[in-house]
Amino acid sequence: MISAEQVELIKGKYEALRAEFDERSRRLWSAVEANSLGYGGVVAVAEATGLAESTIRLGQQELKAQVGSARTIQERRI
């Protein structure tokens, strides 16, 4: 379970960076935060930021796609 203290910490980070985010960077940042928390991370980040859980999950999918394409590029260089 994610503690209220952790949620407040995420909220503080989000508020500090909020003005710099565009739609895509907001999704990716929230996905990274959720992934770092593990189980329950999506719900905690959604609570802290006010973002929809579906937005965070979309960011997670985008991160996975980036990692997959980066591996493909590395494999081709070998």
Protein backbone atom coordinates (compact mmCIF):
# COMPACT_ATOMS: atom_id res chain seq x y z
CA MET A 1 0.00 0.00 0.00
CA ILE A 2 1.21 3.47 -0.89
CA SER A 3 1.32 5.80 2.12
CA ALA A 4 -0.29 9.23 2.28
CA GLU A 5 3.20 10.65 2.75
CA GLN A 6 4.32 9.18 -0.59
CA VAL A 7 1.23 10.59 -2.31
CA GLU A 8 2.03 14.05 -0.92
CA LEU A 9 5.62 13.74 -2.14
CA ILE A 10 4.42 12.89 -5.65
CA LYS A 11 1.96 15.77 -5.50
CA GLY A 12 4.79 18.16 -4.60
CA LYS A 13 6.95 16.95 -7.48
CA TYR A 14 4.05 17.21 -9.90
CA GLU A 15 3.17 20.75 -8.81
CA ALA A 16 6.82 21.81 -9.16
CA LEU A 17 7.02 20.50 -12.75
CA ARG A 18 3.43 21.00 -13.90
CA ALA A 19 4.03 24.24 -15.81
CA GLU A 20 6.81 22.59 -17.86
CA PHE A 21 4.81 19.56 -18.97
CA ASP A 22 3.07 19.16 -22.27
CA GLU A 23 0.49 16.39 -22.65
CA ARG A 24 2.99 13.70 -23.65
CA SER A 25 5.64 14.52 -21.04
CA ARG A 26 2.94 14.58 -18.34
CA ARG A 27 1.87 11.05 -19.35
CA LEU A 28 5.43 9.74 -19.42
CA TRP A 29 6.41 11.36 -16.12
CA SER A 30 3.32 10.00 -14.38
CA ALA A 31 4.02 6.54 -15.82
CA VAL A 32 7.60 6.58 -14.53
CA GLU A 33 6.38 7.64 -11.07
CA ALA A 34 3.72 4.91 -11.05
CA ASN A 35 6.23 2.28 -12.19
CA SER A 36 8.67 3.29 -9.46
CA LEU A 37 5.99 2.70 -6.83
CA GLY A 38 5.03 -0.75 -8.09
CA TYR A 39 1.67 -2.26 -7.18
CA GLY A 40 -0.83 0.53 -6.52
CA GLY A 41 1.36 3.13 -8.18
CA VAL A 42 -1.14 4.11 -10.86
CA VAL A 43 -3.85 4.79 -8.28
CA ALA A 44 -1.45 6.74 -6.05
CA VAL A 45 -0.17 8.92 -8.90
CA ALA A 46 -3.73 9.53 -10.11
CA GLU A 47 -4.71 10.61 -6.60
CA ALA A 48 -1.68 12.89 -6.25
CA THR A 49 -1.94 14.54 -9.64
CA GLY A 50 -5.60 14.45 -10.55
CA LEU A 51 -4.74 12.65 -13.79
CA ALA A 52 -6.98 9.84 -14.96
CA GLU A 53 -5.70 6.33 -14.38
CA SER A 54 -6.20 5.68 -18.09
CA THR A 55 -3.81 8.55 -18.88
CA ILE A 56 -1.12 7.04 -16.66
CA ARG A 57 -1.63 3.58 -18.16
CA LEU A 58 -1.32 5.05 -21.65
CA GLY A 59 2.00 6.56 -20.56
CA GLN A 60 3.12 3.14 -19.35
CA GLN A 61 2.28 1.66 -22.74
CA GLU A 62 4.23 4.43 -24.47
CA LEU A 63 7.25 3.76 -22.26
CA LYS A 64 7.15 0.06 -23.11
CA ALA A 65 6.96 0.90 -26.81
CA GLN A 66 10.00 3.20 -26.50
CA VAL A 67 12.02 0.51 -24.75
CA GLY A 68 11.06 -2.02 -27.41
CA SER A 69 12.05 0.26 -30.27
CA ALA A 70 15.33 1.16 -28.54
CA ARG A 71 16.21 -2.54 -28.25
CA THR A 72 15.46 -3.06 -31.93
CA ILE A 73 17.82 -0.23 -32.87
CA GLN A 74 20.57 -1.63 -30.63
CA GLU A 75 20.16 -5.11 -32.11
CA ARG A 76 20.53 -3.74 -35.61
CA ARG A 77 23.81 -2.06 -34.74
CA ILE A 78 25.43 -5.32 -33.73
